[in-house]
């Protein structure tokens, strides 16, 4: 890493330069991950900035970002490499005359097979290797940040395969042998907690849980990312989002949705967050109809407080 990651303080300021506001805990764990050469596993709700952290690390350290998006059914070939058989076939056709000349000099079928075996390196070389993200990070000539995004969406079998890669940063390709990392990547794994990750994976990583920010932390992000929003309006917006998160929604608004809403308020030239503005823009924050109805019912148009009949009031007051 560069001098921008020399101390926890420089990590924090360098990430800030990428418009990522890091807490002391985040800055410390990122510093330790690069110092100890261990992968960084970040967990937390969707939309709290886990992926953005990896992007900020890449930008602050001057490294290329290589991203592997995980999903159910992801296997080695999609994450590591595939042979480009069509390209191999094209080369075979182009070199057909040369091959015929070489094999034509053989005195027997066995000798022809031996001659062909000596030419295998021509057709099984890195020029025919379609590098997927993991292998691209391992073979990169320059330092990289390898983002393995939403590892919890991948199957347990793929997670087990990943353990071997993260342990030695090398992979075995039967036709080429063992390929070892030229520059050890800075690895960031993210998880939205949709399933429990294995203890074996967690042991190999430094762990960081990123939760929804406090009001002041989120307000700082809004002011940084959407500077055109009136400061008073920015505070009102963040306070409203924080109320939504406490309302037991099916999907609480993420930080990115807060920023989208802040940008929408600027685009609408809103002067105040009144009931009409909330009704018209609420779907920027909430993406489920049940959540929209709950927010309208409980926050935007709450029922009037229940009035205690005079007779009941006198009975409770003892008069």
Protein backbone atom coordinates (compact mmCIF):
# COMPACT_ATOMS: atom_id res chain seq x y z
CA UNK A 1 0.00 0.00 0.00
CA UNK A 2 1.03 3.62 -0.37
CA UNK A 3 1.83 6.10 2.40
CA UNK A 4 -1.90 6.88 2.51
CA UNK A 5 -2.29 3.67 4.53
CA UNK A 6 0.75 4.10 6.78
CA UNK A 7 -1.29 4.75 9.94
CA UNK A 8 -4.91 4.56 11.03
CA UNK A 9 -5.10 8.36 10.81
CA UNK A 10 -3.87 8.43 7.21
CA UNK A 11 -6.28 5.60 6.34
CA UNK A 12 -9.16 7.67 7.66
CA UNK A 13 -8.08 10.84 5.83
CA UNK A 14 -7.36 8.92 2.60
CA UNK A 15 -10.82 7.32 2.63
CA UNK A 16 -12.29 10.74 3.31
CA UNK A 17 -10.51 11.94 0.17
CA UNK A 18 -12.59 9.33 -1.69
CA UNK A 19 -15.75 10.78 -0.08
CA UNK A 20 -16.05 7.83 2.29
CA UNK A 21 -16.53 8.84 5.91
CA UNK A 22 -14.88 6.11 7.98
CA UNK A 23 -15.27 5.68 11.71
CA UNK A 24 -12.21 5.06 13.88
CA UNK A 25 -13.11 1.36 13.96
CA UNK A 26 -13.32 1.09 10.17
CA UNK A 27 -10.01 2.94 9.71
CA UNK A 28 -8.30 0.69 12.27
CA UNK A 29 -9.55 -2.60 10.76
CA UNK A 30 -8.64 -1.50 7.22
CA UNK A 31 -5.15 -0.54 8.43
CA UNK A 32 -4.70 -3.89 10.19
CA UNK A 33 -5.98 -5.84 7.17
CA UNK A 34 -3.33 -4.36 4.90
CA UNK A 35 -0.64 -4.52 7.59
CA UNK A 36 -1.28 -8.19 8.40
CA UNK A 37 -2.05 -9.18 4.80
CA UNK A 38 -5.42 -10.68 5.71
CA UNK A 39 -8.74 -10.51 3.83
CA UNK A 40 -11.34 -8.12 5.24
CA UNK A 41 -14.84 -9.52 5.79
CA UNK A 42 -17.49 -6.82 6.15
CA UNK A 43 -21.01 -7.74 7.23
CA UNK A 44 -24.10 -5.67 7.80
CA UNK A 45 -27.47 -4.67 6.33
CA UNK A 46 -27.72 -3.99 2.61
CA UNK A 47 -26.83 -0.46 1.59
CA UNK A 48 -24.65 0.63 4.52
CA UNK A 49 -21.52 1.19 2.42
CA UNK A 50 -19.69 -2.16 2.41
CA UNK A 51 -19.10 -2.20 -1.34
CA UNK A 52 -18.32 1.51 -1.31
CA UNK A 53 -15.60 0.83 1.26
CA UNK A 54 -13.82 -1.50 -1.16
CA UNK A 55 -14.08 1.09 -3.92
CA UNK A 56 -12.73 3.78 -1.59
CA UNK A 57 -9.80 1.55 -0.56
CA UNK A 58 -8.95 0.99 -4.22
CA UNK A 59 -9.15 4.68 -5.02
CA UNK A 60 -7.17 5.77 -1.96
CA UNK A 61 -4.39 3.23 -2.52
CA UNK A 62 -4.18 3.69 -6.29
CA UNK A 63 -5.04 0.04 -6.96
CA UNK A 64 -7.30 -1.36 -9.65
CA UNK A 65 -10.59 -2.76 -8.38
CA UNK A 66 -11.50 -6.28 -9.51
CA UNK A 67 -15.03 -7.31 -8.55
CA UNK A 68 -16.52 -10.77 -8.27
CA UNK A 69 -20.30 -10.54 -7.83
CA UNK A 70 -21.53 -13.66 -6.06
CA UNK A 71 -24.84 -15.39 -6.74
CA UNK A 72 -26.47 -18.76 -6.22
CA UNK A 73 -24.92 -21.33 -8.53
CA UNK A 74 -21.60 -19.50 -8.96
CA UNK A 75 -18.86 -22.05 -9.66
CA UNK A 76 -15.10 -22.17 -10.24
CA UNK A 77 -15.30 -21.65 -13.99
CA UNK A 78 -17.26 -18.42 -13.61
CA UNK A 79 -15.01 -17.13 -10.83
CA UNK A 80 -11.60 -18.47 -11.87
CA UNK A 81 -11.10 -19.27 -15.56
CA UNK A 82 -12.42 -20.97 -18.66
CA UNK A 83 -10.65 -22.22 -21.77
CA UNK A 84 -11.60 -20.36 -24.94
CA UNK A 85 -12.26 -23.45 -27.04
CA UNK A 86 -13.51 -21.46 -30.03
CA UNK A 87 -10.24 -19.52 -30.10
CA UNK A 88 -8.26 -22.77 -29.82
CA UNK A 89 -10.25 -24.21 -32.73
CA UNK A 90 -9.59 -21.09 -34.81
CA UNK A 91 -5.85 -21.37 -34.17
CA UNK A 92 -5.98 -25.06 -35.08
CA UNK A 93 -7.60 -24.24 -38.41
CA UNK A 94 -5.12 -21.46 -39.12
CA UNK A 95 -2.17 -23.73 -38.29
CA UNK A 96 -3.63 -26.78 -40.04
CA UNK A 97 -1.03 -26.85 -42.82
CA UNK A 98 1.80 -26.61 -40.32
CA UNK A 99 0.29 -29.41 -38.24
CA UNK A 100 -0.18 -31.62 -41.29
CA UNK A 101 3.45 -31.06 -42.23
CA UNK A 102 4.63 -31.96 -38.71
CA UNK A 103 2.45 -35.05 -38.37
CA UNK A 104 3.09 -36.14 -41.96
CA UNK A 105 6.72 -36.85 -41.12
CA UNK A 106 5.74 -39.37 -38.46
CA UNK A 107 6.39 -43.00 -39.31
CA UNK A 108 3.61 -44.38 -37.12
CA UNK A 109 0.42 -43.33 -35.33
CA UNK A 110 2.24 -43.49 -31.98
CA UNK A 111 4.99 -41.24 -33.27
CA UNK A 112 2.38 -38.81 -34.60
CA UNK A 113 0.72 -38.74 -31.18
CA UNK A 114 4.10 -38.03 -29.55
CA UNK A 115 4.77 -35.20 -31.96
CA UNK A 116 1.34 -33.73 -31.31
CA UNK A 117 1.86 -33.96 -27.54
CA UNK A 118 5.01 -31.85 -27.88
CA UNK A 119 2.91 -29.10 -29.45
CA UNK A 120 0.28 -29.04 -26.67
CA UNK A 121 1.84 -25.96 -25.09
CA UNK A 122 0.88 -24.04 -28.21
CA UNK A 123 -2.82 -24.69 -27.61
CA UNK A 124 -2.88 -24.79 -23.81
CA UNK A 125 -1.27 -21.51 -22.85
CA UNK A 126 -2.43 -18.33 -21.16
CA UNK A 127 -3.36 -16.87 -24.56
CA UNK A 128 -6.38 -19.20 -24.57
CA UNK A 129 -7.21 -18.73 -20.90
CA UNK A 130 -10.28 -16.58 -20.29
CA UNK A 131 -9.46 -15.02 -16.94
CA UNK A 132 -12.36 -14.52 -14.53
CA UNK A 133 -12.03 -12.12 -11.55
CA UNK A 134 -10.15 -14.44 -9.15
CA UNK A 135 -7.48 -15.43 -11.66
CA UNK A 136 -7.25 -11.87 -12.98
CA UNK A 137 -6.42 -10.65 -9.47
CA UNK A 138 -3.84 -13.41 -8.99
CA UNK A 139 -2.08 -12.83 -12.34
CA UNK A 140 -2.22 -9.03 -12.24
CA UNK A 141 1.18 -7.42 -12.70
CA UNK A 142 0.12 -4.52 -10.48
CA UNK A 143 -1.45 -4.52 -6.96
CA UNK A 144 -5.23 -4.78 -6.93
CA UNK A 145 -8.21 -4.69 -4.59
CA UNK A 146 -10.26 -7.87 -5.02
CA UNK A 147 -13.89 -7.32 -4.04
CA UNK A 148 -15.85 -10.54 -3.46
CA UNK A 149 -19.30 -9.02 -3.20
CA UNK A 150 -22.21 -10.66 -1.34
CA UNK A 151 -20.39 -13.91 -0.57
CA UNK A 152 -23.43 -15.02 1.43
CA UNK A 153 -25.36 -15.41 -1.85
CA UNK A 154 -22.93 -18.06 -3.12
CA UNK A 155 -23.28 -21.73 -2.21
CA UNK A 156 -21.35 -23.30 0.66
CA UNK A 157 -19.39 -25.37 -1.89
CA UNK A 158 -18.06 -22.23 -3.56
CA UNK A 159 -17.19 -20.77 -0.17
CA UNK A 160 -15.12 -23.89 0.56
CA UNK A 161 -13.29 -23.51 -2.76
CA UNK A 162 -12.60 -19.88 -1.92
CA UNK A 163 -10.82 -20.87 1.29
CA UNK A 164 -8.01 -22.49 -0.69
CA UNK A 165 -7.57 -19.43 -2.89
CA UNK A 166 -7.51 -17.02 0.06
CA UNK A 167 -5.05 -19.18 2.01
CA UNK A 168 -2.25 -19.29 -0.56
CA UNK A 169 -3.33 -16.91 -3.32
CA UNK A 170 -2.53 -19.56 -5.86
CA UNK A 171 -4.56 -21.83 -8.11
CA UNK A 172 -3.84 -25.00 -10.02
CA UNK A 173 -4.63 -25.19 -13.72
CA UNK A 174 -4.07 -28.84 -14.81
CA UNK A 175 -2.73 -27.89 -18.23
CA UNK A 176 -0.42 -25.13 -16.92
CA UNK A 177 0.47 -26.11 -13.35
CA UNK A 178 0.26 -23.89 -10.27
CA UNK A 179 -0.22 -20.16 -10.81
CA UNK A 180 0.86 -18.00 -7.86
CA UNK A 181 -0.08 -14.38 -7.23
CA UNK A 182 2.46 -11.94 -8.62
CA UNK A 183 1.07 -9.17 -6.44
CA UNK A 184 -0.97 -10.20 -3.42
CA UNK A 185 -4.36 -8.48 -3.71
CA UNK A 186 -6.09 -6.64 -0.89
CA UNK A 187 -9.24 -8.76 -0.50
CA UNK A 188 -12.57 -7.37 0.69
CA UNK A 189 -15.53 -9.73 1.14
CA UNK A 190 -19.01 -8.38 1.81
CA UNK A 191 -22.04 -10.14 3.28
CA UNK A 192 -25.63 -9.03 3.88
CA UNK A 193 -26.18 -11.78 6.46
CA UNK A 194 -28.64 -13.74 4.32
CA UNK A 195 -26.95 -16.92 5.58
CA UNK A 196 -24.33 -17.79 8.18
CA UNK A 197 -20.80 -17.96 6.81
CA UNK A 198 -18.47 -20.77 7.84
CA UNK A 199 -16.16 -20.39 10.80
CA UNK A 200 -13.28 -21.46 8.54
CA UNK A 201 -13.84 -18.44 6.30
CA UNK A 202 -14.18 -16.07 9.23
CA UNK A 203 -10.94 -17.36 10.78
CA UNK A 204 -9.03 -16.35 7.67
CA UNK A 205 -10.38 -12.81 7.70
CA UNK A 206 -10.44 -9.72 9.84
CA UNK A 207 -14.07 -9.02 10.68
CA UNK A 208 -15.91 -5.71 10.45
CA UNK A 209 -19.62 -5.16 11.08
CA UNK A 210 -21.02 -2.01 9.48
CA UNK A 211 -24.43 -0.96 10.77
CA UNK A 212 -26.75 1.88 9.82
CA UNK A 213 -25.12 5.21 10.76
CA UNK A 214 -26.20 7.46 13.57
CA UNK A 215 -28.09 10.63 12.71
CA UNK A 216 -24.97 12.81 12.80
CA UNK A 217 -22.93 10.29 10.79
CA UNK A 218 -25.59 10.04 8.09
CA UNK A 219 -26.02 13.80 8.03
CA UNK A 220 -22.27 14.17 7.41
CA UNK A 221 -22.54 11.75 4.45
CA UNK A 222 -25.49 13.68 2.97
CA UNK A 223 -23.66 17.00 3.30
CA UNK A 224 -20.59 15.49 1.63
CA UNK A 225 -22.39 13.72 -1.22
CA UNK A 226 -25.25 16.19 -1.83
CA UNK A 227 -23.75 19.59 -0.97
CA UNK A 228 -26.49 21.50 -2.82
CA UNK A 229 -29.15 20.45 -0.32
CA UNK A 230 -30.07 23.14 2.19
CA UNK A 231 -28.47 22.22 5.58
CA UNK A 232 -31.79 22.59 7.43
CA UNK A 233 -33.53 20.43 4.84
CA UNK A 234 -30.71 17.88 5.02
CA UNK A 235 -31.23 17.46 8.76
CA UNK A 236 -35.01 17.12 8.32
CA UNK A 237 -34.46 14.48 5.64
CA UNK A 238 -32.05 12.42 7.74
CA UNK A 239 -34.29 12.66 10.81
CA UNK A 240 -37.20 11.32 8.74
CA UNK A 241 -35.11 8.43 7.37
CA UNK A 242 -33.99 7.55 10.88
CA UNK A 243 -37.68 7.42 11.96
CA UNK A 244 -38.44 5.06 9.08
CA UNK A 245 -35.68 2.70 10.17
CA UNK A 246 -37.23 2.46 13.63
CA UNK A 247 -40.67 1.66 12.21
CA UNK A 248 -40.01 -2.03 11.56
CA UNK A 249 -40.20 -1.84 7.79
CA UNK A 250 -39.82 -4.88 5.53
CA UNK A 251 -36.82 -3.13 3.95
CA UNK A 252 -35.39 -0.11 5.73
CA UNK A 253 -33.99 2.64 3.49
CA UNK A 254 -30.26 2.33 2.87
CA UNK A 255 -27.75 5.15 2.87
CA UNK A 256 -27.76 5.15 -0.94
CA UNK A 257 -31.55 5.64 -0.86
CA UNK A 258 -31.12 8.51 1.59
CA UNK A 259 -28.72 10.10 -0.91
CA UNK A 260 -31.15 9.47 -3.76
CA UNK A 261 -33.90 11.18 -1.78
CA UNK A 262 -31.62 14.11 -0.93
CA UNK A 263 -30.79 14.50 -4.64
CA UNK A 264 -34.50 14.29 -5.48
CA UNK A 265 -35.26 17.11 -3.04
CA UNK A 266 -32.61 19.24 -4.74
CA UNK A 267 -34.01 18.39 -8.20
CA UNK A 268 -37.52 19.37 -7.06
CA UNK A 269 -36.17 22.57 -5.51
CA UNK A 270 -37.99 21.62 -2.31
CA UNK A 271 -38.05 24.34 0.33
CA UNK A 272 -39.54 22.21 3.08
CA UNK A 273 -40.34 18.57 3.74
CA UNK A 274 -44.09 18.93 4.12
CA UNK A 275 -46.80 16.28 3.85
CA UNK A 276 -47.23 16.82 0.11
CA UNK A 277 -43.49 16.43 -0.58
CA UNK A 278 -43.38 13.24 1.50
CA UNK A 279 -46.34 11.74 -0.34
CA UNK A 280 -44.80 12.49 -3.74
CA UNK A 281 -41.27 11.28 -2.99
CA UNK A 282 -41.73 8.50 -0.42
CA UNK A 283 -41.21 5.78 -3.04
CA UNK A 284 -37.62 6.98 -3.49
CA UNK A 285 -36.96 5.68 0.04
CA UNK A 286 -39.27 2.68 0.30
CA UNK A 287 -39.55 -0.01 -2.37
CA UNK A 288 -42.34 -2.22 -1.00
CA UNK A 289 -46.03 -1.30 -1.10
CA UNK A 290 -46.56 -2.59 2.44
CA UNK A 291 -43.81 -0.28 3.70
CA UNK A 292 -45.27 2.68 1.81
CA UNK A 293 -48.69 2.07 3.34
CA UNK A 294 -47.23 1.67 6.82
CA UNK A 295 -45.24 4.92 6.52
CA UNK A 296 -48.30 6.82 5.30
CA UNK A 297 -50.45 5.36 8.06
CA UNK A 298 -48.04 5.70 10.98
CA UNK A 299 -45.83 8.69 10.14
CA UNK A 300 -47.29 10.91 7.41
CA UNK A 301 -50.98 10.64 8.31
CA UNK A 302 -51.08 9.24 11.85
CA UNK A 303 -54.53 8.84 13.43
CA UNK A 304 -55.48 11.63 15.84
CA UNK A 305 -54.84 10.84 19.51
CA UNK A 306 -57.76 9.10 21.14
CA UNK A 307 -59.86 11.51 23.16
CA UNK A 308 -60.83 10.45 26.66
CA UNK A 309 -64.55 11.11 27.31
CA UNK A 310 -65.15 13.66 30.12
CA UNK A 311 -66.77 11.04 32.35
CA UNK A 312 -63.80 8.70 31.91
CA UNK A 313 -61.36 11.58 32.57
CA UNK A 314 -63.11 12.46 35.84
CA UNK A 315 -63.06 8.81 36.88
CA UNK A 316 -59.31 8.45 36.21
CA UNK A 317 -58.51 11.79 37.89
CA UNK A 318 -60.55 10.87 40.98
CA UNK A 319 -62.86 13.91 40.69
